[in-house]
Amino acid sequence: MKYLNYIFTSLILLFVPIYGLLIAVGSAIILDTFTGIFKSIKLNGWKSIRSRKLSNIISKMALYEICIVFLYLIDNFVLNEFIKSAFGFDFMFTKICAILLIFVELVSIKENIEETFKVDIWDLLKKTFNRAKEIKTDLDEITK
């Protein structure tokens, strides 16, 4: 039993450098799931929630997290020295994979919000930035 604890502790310590990436990807998946549930309830009512559809989150979470773990192992034991000498930072492929997975989830969250509230987020951002430019121009004219 004592050796089993040592092995378990060693495995946990092996993955300490990427725990932030694992939490970030997991949080993005959970946020996407919540926005998807909200969209489904808002558009189709409570009857649209099915446990079969909700069980997909488990496989999605496992697949994404295992992908990051395996890329980390490859990065750590095979590629890290080459990548660190060429680019100057650790675990490049693991970080790129995490960024891409989070980006996929953010696009899904954006789509869920747009379908739920019938808004175009990019159009709202453009209007906001244009309005901010107008305000900045007005302030610059006042201060002159």
N, C-alpha and C. Protein backbone atom coordinates (compact mmCIF):
# COMPACT_ATOMS: atom_id res chain seq x y z
N MET A 1 0.82 -1.19 0.00
CA MET A 1 0.00 0.00 0.00
C MET A 1 0.87 1.26 0.00
N LYS A 2 1.97 1.17 0.71
CA LYS A 2 2.88 2.30 0.81
C LYS A 2 3.44 2.66 -0.57
N TYR A 3 3.80 1.63 -1.35
CA TYR A 3 4.35 1.87 -2.69
C TYR A 3 3.30 2.42 -3.64
N LEU A 4 2.07 2.01 -3.45
CA LEU A 4 0.98 2.53 -4.28
C LEU A 4 0.81 4.03 -4.05
N ASN A 5 0.95 4.46 -2.82
CA ASN A 5 0.89 5.90 -2.51
C ASN A 5 2.04 6.64 -3.18
N TYR A 6 3.24 6.05 -3.17
CA TYR A 6 4.39 6.68 -3.82
C TYR A 6 4.18 6.81 -5.32
N ILE A 7 3.63 5.79 -5.93
CA ILE A 7 3.38 5.82 -7.37
C ILE A 7 2.33 6.88 -7.70
N PHE A 8 1.25 6.90 -6.93
CA PHE A 8 0.20 7.88 -7.14
C PHE A 8 0.72 9.31 -6.96
N THR A 9 1.51 9.54 -5.92
CA THR A 9 2.09 10.86 -5.68
C THR A 9 3.04 11.25 -6.81
N SER A 10 3.82 10.30 -7.29
CA SER A 10 4.74 10.58 -8.39
C SER A 10 3.99 10.97 -9.66
N LEU A 11 2.89 10.29 -9.94
CA LEU A 11 2.09 10.63 -11.12
C LEU A 11 1.49 12.02 -11.00
N ILE A 12 1.02 12.36 -9.82
CA ILE A 12 0.46 13.70 -9.61
C ILE A 12 1.54 14.75 -9.81
N LEU A 13 2.71 14.53 -9.24
CA LEU A 13 3.80 15.50 -9.36
C LEU A 13 4.31 15.62 -10.79
N LEU A 14 4.18 14.56 -11.58
CA LEU A 14 4.61 14.60 -12.98
C LEU A 14 3.78 15.62 -13.77
N PHE A 15 2.49 15.73 -13.42
CA PHE A 15 1.59 16.59 -14.19
C PHE A 15 1.36 17.96 -13.55
N VAL A 16 2.08 18.30 -12.51
CA VAL A 16 1.94 19.61 -11.87
C VAL A 16 2.20 20.76 -12.85
N PRO A 17 3.19 20.68 -13.76
CA PRO A 17 3.41 21.83 -14.65
C PRO A 17 2.25 22.17 -15.58
N ILE A 18 1.32 21.24 -15.80
CA ILE A 18 0.22 21.53 -16.73
C ILE A 18 -1.14 21.59 -16.04
N TYR A 19 -1.17 21.63 -14.72
CA TYR A 19 -2.48 21.62 -14.06
C TYR A 19 -3.29 22.85 -14.44
N GLY A 20 -2.64 23.98 -14.67
CA GLY A 20 -3.36 25.19 -15.08
C GLY A 20 -4.01 25.02 -16.44
N LEU A 21 -3.30 24.39 -17.36
CA LEU A 21 -3.86 24.13 -18.69
C LEU A 21 -5.06 23.18 -18.59
N LEU A 22 -4.93 22.15 -17.77
CA LEU A 22 -6.03 21.19 -17.61
C LEU A 22 -7.25 21.87 -17.01
N ILE A 23 -7.04 22.74 -16.05
CA ILE A 23 -8.16 23.46 -15.42
C ILE A 23 -8.79 24.43 -16.42
N ALA A 24 -7.98 25.12 -17.21
CA ALA A 24 -8.50 26.08 -18.19
C ALA A 24 -9.36 25.38 -19.24
N VAL A 25 -8.87 24.26 -19.76
CA VAL A 25 -9.64 23.52 -20.78
C VAL A 25 -10.92 22.96 -20.16
N GLY A 26 -10.82 22.41 -18.97
CA GLY A 26 -12.01 21.89 -18.29
C GLY A 26 -13.03 22.98 -18.02
N SER A 27 -12.57 24.15 -17.62
CA SER A 27 -13.48 25.27 -17.37
C SER A 27 -14.18 25.72 -18.65
N ALA A 28 -13.44 25.74 -19.76
CA ALA A 28 -14.05 26.12 -21.04
C ALA A 28 -15.12 25.11 -21.45
N ILE A 29 -14.87 23.84 -21.23
CA ILE A 29 -15.86 22.81 -21.56
C ILE A 29 -17.11 22.98 -20.69
N ILE A 30 -16.91 23.22 -19.41
CA ILE A 30 -18.05 23.39 -18.50
C ILE A 30 -18.86 24.63 -18.87
N LEU A 31 -18.18 25.72 -19.19
CA LEU A 31 -18.87 26.95 -19.59
C LEU A 31 -19.65 26.73 -20.89
N ASP A 32 -19.06 26.01 -21.83
CA ASP A 32 -19.75 25.70 -23.07
C ASP A 32 -20.98 24.84 -22.80
N THR A 33 -20.86 23.90 -21.90
CA THR A 33 -22.00 23.05 -21.55
C THR A 33 -23.13 23.87 -20.93
N PHE A 34 -22.79 24.78 -20.02
CA PHE A 34 -23.81 25.62 -19.40
C PHE A 34 -24.50 26.51 -20.42
N THR A 35 -23.74 27.11 -21.33
CA THR A 35 -24.38 27.95 -22.34
C THR A 35 -25.23 27.12 -23.29
N GLY A 36 -24.79 25.90 -23.58
CA GLY A 36 -25.58 25.01 -24.43
C GLY A 36 -26.89 24.61 -23.77
N ILE A 37 -26.84 24.31 -22.47
CA ILE A 37 -28.05 23.97 -21.72
C ILE A 37 -28.99 25.17 -21.67
N PHE A 38 -28.43 26.34 -21.40
CA PHE A 38 -29.25 27.55 -21.34
C PHE A 38 -29.92 27.81 -22.68
N LYS A 39 -29.17 27.66 -23.78
CA LYS A 39 -29.73 27.86 -25.11
C LYS A 39 -30.86 26.86 -25.37
N SER A 40 -30.63 25.61 -25.03
CA SER A 40 -31.63 24.58 -25.27
C SER A 40 -32.91 24.85 -24.48
N ILE A 41 -32.76 25.25 -23.22
CA ILE A 41 -33.94 25.54 -22.40
C ILE A 41 -34.66 26.78 -22.92
N LYS A 42 -33.91 27.81 -23.27
CA LYS A 42 -34.51 29.07 -23.73
C LYS A 42 -35.27 28.87 -25.05
N LEU A 43 -34.69 28.07 -25.97
CA LEU A 43 -35.31 27.91 -27.29
C LEU A 43 -36.35 26.80 -27.34
N ASN A 44 -36.13 25.71 -26.60
CA ASN A 44 -37.02 24.53 -26.73
C ASN A 44 -37.69 24.11 -25.44
N GLY A 45 -37.39 24.76 -24.34
CA GLY A 45 -38.00 24.39 -23.07
C GLY A 45 -37.25 23.26 -22.38
N TRP A 46 -37.75 22.92 -21.19
CA TRP A 46 -37.09 21.90 -20.37
C TRP A 46 -37.12 20.51 -21.00
N LYS A 47 -38.08 20.27 -21.88
CA LYS A 47 -38.21 18.94 -22.48
C LYS A 47 -37.02 18.60 -23.38
N SER A 48 -36.27 19.61 -23.79
CA SER A 48 -35.15 19.38 -24.70
C SER A 48 -33.90 18.85 -23.99
N ILE A 49 -33.88 18.87 -22.66
CA ILE A 49 -32.72 18.39 -21.91
C ILE A 49 -32.81 16.88 -21.79
N ARG A 50 -31.80 16.19 -22.29
CA ARG A 50 -31.74 14.73 -22.26
C ARG A 50 -30.42 14.29 -21.64
N SER A 51 -30.48 13.24 -20.85
CA SER A 51 -29.26 12.75 -20.20
C SER A 51 -28.30 12.17 -21.23
N ARG A 52 -28.82 11.65 -22.32
CA ARG A 52 -27.96 11.10 -23.37
C ARG A 52 -27.05 12.19 -23.95
N LYS A 53 -27.62 13.36 -24.20
CA LYS A 53 -26.83 14.47 -24.74
C LYS A 53 -25.85 15.00 -23.68
N LEU A 54 -26.31 15.06 -22.43
CA LEU A 54 -25.44 15.56 -21.36
C LEU A 54 -24.29 14.61 -21.06
N SER A 55 -24.46 13.32 -21.35
CA SER A 55 -23.37 12.37 -21.09
C SER A 55 -22.20 12.57 -22.04
N ASN A 56 -22.43 13.28 -23.15
CA ASN A 56 -21.32 13.55 -24.08
C ASN A 56 -20.24 14.43 -23.45
N ILE A 57 -20.61 15.20 -22.43
CA ILE A 57 -19.61 16.06 -21.78
C ILE A 57 -18.50 15.22 -21.15
N ILE A 58 -18.83 14.04 -20.66
CA ILE A 58 -17.83 13.19 -20.01
C ILE A 58 -16.79 12.72 -21.02
N SER A 59 -17.25 12.25 -22.16
CA SER A 59 -16.30 11.80 -23.17
C SER A 59 -15.50 12.96 -23.75
N LYS A 60 -16.14 14.10 -23.92
CA LYS A 60 -15.45 15.29 -24.43
C LYS A 60 -14.37 15.74 -23.45
N MET A 61 -14.72 15.80 -22.17
CA MET A 61 -13.76 16.21 -21.15
C MET A 61 -12.59 15.22 -21.11
N ALA A 62 -12.89 13.93 -21.12
CA ALA A 62 -11.83 12.92 -21.07
C ALA A 62 -10.93 13.01 -22.30
N LEU A 63 -11.52 13.15 -23.48
CA LEU A 63 -10.74 13.22 -24.71
C LEU A 63 -9.83 14.43 -24.72
N TYR A 64 -10.34 15.59 -24.37
CA TYR A 64 -9.54 16.82 -24.37
C TYR A 64 -8.41 16.74 -23.34
N GLU A 65 -8.74 16.29 -22.14
CA GLU A 65 -7.73 16.24 -21.08
C GLU A 65 -6.66 15.19 -21.38
N ILE A 66 -7.06 14.04 -21.90
CA ILE A 66 -6.08 13.00 -22.27
C ILE A 66 -5.19 13.48 -23.40
N CYS A 67 -5.75 14.21 -24.34
CA CYS A 67 -4.95 14.79 -25.42
C CYS A 67 -3.87 15.70 -24.87
N ILE A 68 -4.22 16.55 -23.93
CA ILE A 68 -3.24 17.46 -23.34
C ILE A 68 -2.19 16.69 -22.54
N VAL A 69 -2.61 15.68 -21.80
CA VAL A 69 -1.67 14.89 -21.00
C VAL A 69 -0.67 14.16 -21.90
N PHE A 70 -1.15 13.53 -22.97
CA PHE A 70 -0.24 12.82 -23.86
C PHE A 70 0.70 13.78 -24.60
N LEU A 71 0.19 14.92 -25.03
CA LEU A 71 1.07 15.90 -25.65
C LEU A 71 2.12 16.41 -24.66
N TYR A 72 1.72 16.57 -23.41
CA TYR A 72 2.68 16.98 -22.39
C TYR A 72 3.77 15.94 -22.23
N LEU A 73 3.40 14.66 -22.18
CA LEU A 73 4.41 13.61 -22.04
C LEU A 73 5.37 13.60 -23.22
N ILE A 74 4.84 13.79 -24.43
CA ILE A 74 5.70 13.85 -25.62
C ILE A 74 6.59 15.09 -25.55
N ASP A 75 5.99 16.22 -25.21
CA ASP A 75 6.77 17.45 -25.07
C ASP A 75 7.87 17.30 -24.02
N ASN A 76 7.50 16.79 -22.87
CA ASN A 76 8.42 16.72 -21.74
C ASN A 76 9.59 15.77 -21.99
N PHE A 77 9.29 14.61 -22.55
CA PHE A 77 10.33 13.59 -22.66
C PHE A 77 11.00 13.50 -24.03
N VAL A 78 10.42 14.12 -25.06
CA VAL A 78 10.99 13.99 -26.39
C VAL A 78 11.38 15.35 -26.97
N LEU A 79 10.45 16.28 -27.03
CA LEU A 79 10.64 17.50 -27.80
C LEU A 79 11.11 18.72 -27.03
N ASN A 80 10.99 18.72 -25.72
CA ASN A 80 11.16 19.95 -24.95
C ASN A 80 12.54 20.59 -25.13
N GLU A 81 13.59 19.80 -25.15
CA GLU A 81 14.94 20.38 -25.27
C GLU A 81 15.12 21.09 -26.60
N PHE A 82 14.60 20.48 -27.67
CA PHE A 82 14.72 21.11 -28.99
C PHE A 82 13.89 22.39 -29.07
N ILE A 83 12.67 22.32 -28.60
CA ILE A 83 11.76 23.46 -28.66
C ILE A 83 12.27 24.59 -27.76
N LYS A 84 12.76 24.24 -26.58
CA LYS A 84 13.24 25.26 -25.65
C LYS A 84 14.45 25.99 -26.22
N SER A 85 15.35 25.25 -26.88
CA SER A 85 16.52 25.92 -27.45
C SER A 85 16.15 26.76 -28.67
N ALA A 86 15.13 26.34 -29.42
CA ALA A 86 14.74 27.08 -30.63
C ALA A 86 13.83 28.27 -30.32
N PHE A 87 12.87 28.09 -29.42
CA PHE A 87 11.86 29.13 -29.18
C PHE A 87 11.93 29.76 -27.79
N GLY A 88 12.59 29.09 -26.86
CA GLY A 88 12.80 29.69 -25.55
C GLY A 88 11.72 29.46 -24.52
N PHE A 89 10.76 28.58 -24.77
CA PHE A 89 9.78 28.28 -23.72
C PHE A 89 9.43 26.80 -23.73
N ASP A 90 8.94 26.35 -22.58
CA ASP A 90 8.66 24.92 -22.37
C ASP A 90 7.30 24.51 -22.92
N PHE A 91 7.20 23.26 -23.30
CA PHE A 91 5.94 22.59 -23.63
C PHE A 91 5.11 23.33 -24.67
N MET A 92 5.74 23.69 -25.77
CA MET A 92 5.08 24.49 -26.81
C MET A 92 3.86 23.78 -27.39
N PHE A 93 3.99 22.50 -27.76
CA PHE A 93 2.87 21.81 -28.39
C PHE A 93 1.71 21.59 -27.42
N THR A 94 2.02 21.37 -26.17
CA THR A 94 0.97 21.22 -25.16
C THR A 94 0.18 22.52 -25.02
N LYS A 95 0.90 23.63 -24.99
CA LYS A 95 0.24 24.93 -24.85
C LYS A 95 -0.55 25.29 -26.10
N ILE A 96 -0.02 24.98 -27.28
CA ILE A 96 -0.75 25.25 -28.52
C ILE A 96 -2.03 24.43 -28.57
N CYS A 97 -1.94 23.16 -28.18
CA CYS A 97 -3.13 22.30 -28.17
C CYS A 97 -4.17 22.85 -27.20
N ALA A 98 -3.75 23.26 -26.01
CA ALA A 98 -4.69 23.80 -25.03
C ALA A 98 -5.35 25.06 -25.56
N ILE A 99 -4.57 25.93 -26.20
CA ILE A 99 -5.13 27.15 -26.76
C ILE A 99 -6.15 26.84 -27.84
N LEU A 100 -5.84 25.88 -28.70
CA LEU A 100 -6.79 25.52 -29.77
C LEU A 100 -8.07 24.91 -29.20
N LEU A 101 -7.94 24.07 -28.20
CA LEU A 101 -9.14 23.47 -27.60
C LEU A 101 -10.00 24.53 -26.91
N ILE A 102 -9.37 25.46 -26.22
CA ILE A 102 -10.12 26.54 -25.58
C ILE A 102 -10.77 27.42 -26.64
N PHE A 103 -10.06 27.68 -27.74
CA PHE A 103 -10.63 28.47 -28.82
C PHE A 103 -11.88 27.80 -29.41
N VAL A 104 -11.82 26.48 -29.61
CA VAL A 104 -12.98 25.75 -30.11
C VAL A 104 -14.16 25.91 -29.17
N GLU A 105 -13.91 25.81 -27.89
CA GLU A 105 -14.98 25.96 -26.91
C GLU A 105 -15.52 27.39 -26.88
N LEU A 106 -14.64 28.38 -27.01
CA LEU A 106 -15.09 29.77 -27.02
C LEU A 106 -15.95 30.08 -28.24
N VAL A 107 -15.61 29.51 -29.38
CA VAL A 107 -16.44 29.69 -30.58
C VAL A 107 -17.82 29.08 -30.35
N SER A 108 -17.85 27.91 -29.72
CA SER A 108 -19.14 27.28 -29.42
C SER A 108 -19.95 28.12 -28.43
N ILE A 109 -19.29 28.68 -27.44
CA ILE A 109 -19.97 29.55 -26.47
C ILE A 109 -20.54 30.77 -27.18
N LYS A 110 -19.76 31.37 -28.07
CA LYS A 110 -20.22 32.53 -28.85
C LYS A 110 -21.45 32.17 -29.67
N GLU A 111 -21.41 31.01 -30.33
CA GLU A 111 -22.56 30.59 -31.14
C GLU A 111 -23.79 30.37 -30.27
N ASN A 112 -23.61 29.76 -29.10
CA ASN A 112 -24.73 29.53 -28.19
C ASN A 112 -25.36 30.85 -27.76
N ILE A 113 -24.53 31.82 -27.42
CA ILE A 113 -25.04 33.13 -26.98
C ILE A 113 -25.76 33.84 -28.12
N GLU A 114 -25.17 33.78 -29.32
CA GLU A 114 -25.80 34.44 -30.47
C GLU A 114 -27.15 33.82 -30.81
N GLU A 115 -27.25 32.49 -30.77
CA GLU A 115 -28.52 31.84 -31.07
C GLU A 115 -29.55 32.08 -29.98
N THR A 116 -29.11 32.13 -28.74
CA THR A 116 -30.04 32.32 -27.63
C THR A 116 -30.65 33.71 -27.63
N PHE A 117 -29.81 34.73 -27.78
CA PHE A 117 -30.28 36.11 -27.67
C PHE A 117 -30.49 36.80 -29.00
N LYS A 118 -30.26 36.08 -30.10
CA LYS A 118 -30.46 36.62 -31.46
C LYS A 118 -29.66 37.92 -31.66
N VAL A 119 -28.38 37.87 -31.29
CA VAL A 119 -27.48 39.01 -31.46
C VAL A 119 -26.24 38.56 -32.22
N ASP A 120 -25.56 39.52 -32.82
CA ASP A 120 -24.29 39.26 -33.46
C ASP A 120 -23.20 39.91 -32.60
N ILE A 121 -22.42 39.09 -31.93
CA ILE A 121 -21.43 39.60 -30.99
C ILE A 121 -20.38 40.45 -31.68
N TRP A 122 -19.93 40.03 -32.87
CA TRP A 122 -18.92 40.80 -33.59
C TRP A 122 -19.44 42.18 -33.98
N ASP A 123 -20.70 42.24 -34.38
CA ASP A 123 -21.30 43.53 -34.72
C ASP A 123 -21.38 44.44 -33.49
N LEU A 124 -21.75 43.86 -32.35
CA LEU A 124 -21.79 44.64 -31.11
C LEU A 124 -20.40 45.14 -30.73
N LEU A 125 -19.37 44.30 -30.90
CA LEU A 125 -18.01 44.73 -30.59
C LEU A 125 -17.54 45.85 -31.51
N LYS A 126 -17.88 45.73 -32.81
CA LYS A 126 -17.51 46.78 -33.77
C LYS A 126 -18.17 48.11 -33.38
N LYS A 127 -19.45 48.06 -33.05
CA LYS A 127 -20.15 49.27 -32.64
C LYS A 127 -19.54 49.87 -31.38
N THR A 128 -19.18 49.01 -30.44
CA THR A 128 -18.57 49.48 -29.19
C THR A 128 -17.23 50.15 -29.45
N PHE A 129 -16.39 49.52 -30.28
CA PHE A 129 -15.08 50.11 -30.59
C PHE A 129 -15.22 51.40 -31.38
N ASN A 130 -16.16 51.45 -32.31
CA ASN A 130 -16.40 52.69 -33.05
C ASN A 130 -16.86 53.81 -32.11
N ARG A 131 -17.74 53.47 -31.19
CA ARG A 131 -18.22 54.46 -30.23
C ARG A 131 -17.07 54.93 -29.34
N ALA A 132 -16.19 54.01 -28.94
CA ALA A 132 -15.04 54.38 -28.12
C ALA A 132 -14.10 55.31 -28.89
N LYS A 133 -13.93 55.05 -30.19
CA LYS A 133 -13.10 55.94 -31.02
C LYS A 133 -13.72 57.34 -31.10
N GLU A 134 -15.05 57.39 -31.24
CA GLU A 134 -15.73 58.69 -31.29
C GLU A 134 -15.54 59.45 -29.98
N ILE A 135 -15.68 58.76 -28.88
CA ILE A 135 -15.51 59.40 -27.57
C ILE A 135 -14.08 59.89 -27.40
N LYS A 136 -13.11 59.09 -27.82
CA LYS A 136 -11.70 59.49 -27.73
C LYS A 136 -11.44 60.71 -28.59
N THR A 137 -11.99 60.73 -29.80
CA THR A 137 -11.83 61.89 -30.68
C THR A 137 -12.45 63.14 -30.06
N ASP A 138 -13.63 62.99 -29.49
CA ASP A 138 -14.30 64.12 -28.82
C ASP A 138 -13.46 64.63 -27.64
N LEU A 139 -12.91 63.72 -26.86
CA LEU A 139 -12.08 64.13 -25.74
C LEU A 139 -10.80 64.82 -26.19
N ASP A 140 -10.22 64.32 -27.29
CA ASP A 140 -9.02 64.96 -27.82
C ASP A 140 -9.32 66.38 -28.30
N GLU A 141 -10.49 66.57 -28.90
CA GLU A 141 -10.87 67.91 -29.37
C GLU A 141 -11.11 68.86 -28.20
N ILE A 142 -11.69 68.34 -27.14
CA ILE A 142 -11.96 69.18 -25.96
C ILE A 142 -10.66 69.61 -25.29
N THR A 143 -9.70 68.71 -25.19
CA THR A 143 -8.45 69.01 -24.50
C THR A 143 -7.52 69.90 -25.31
N LYS A 144 -7.78 70.09 -26.59
CA LYS A 144 -6.91 70.96 -27.42
C LYS A 144 -7.20 72.37 -27.21
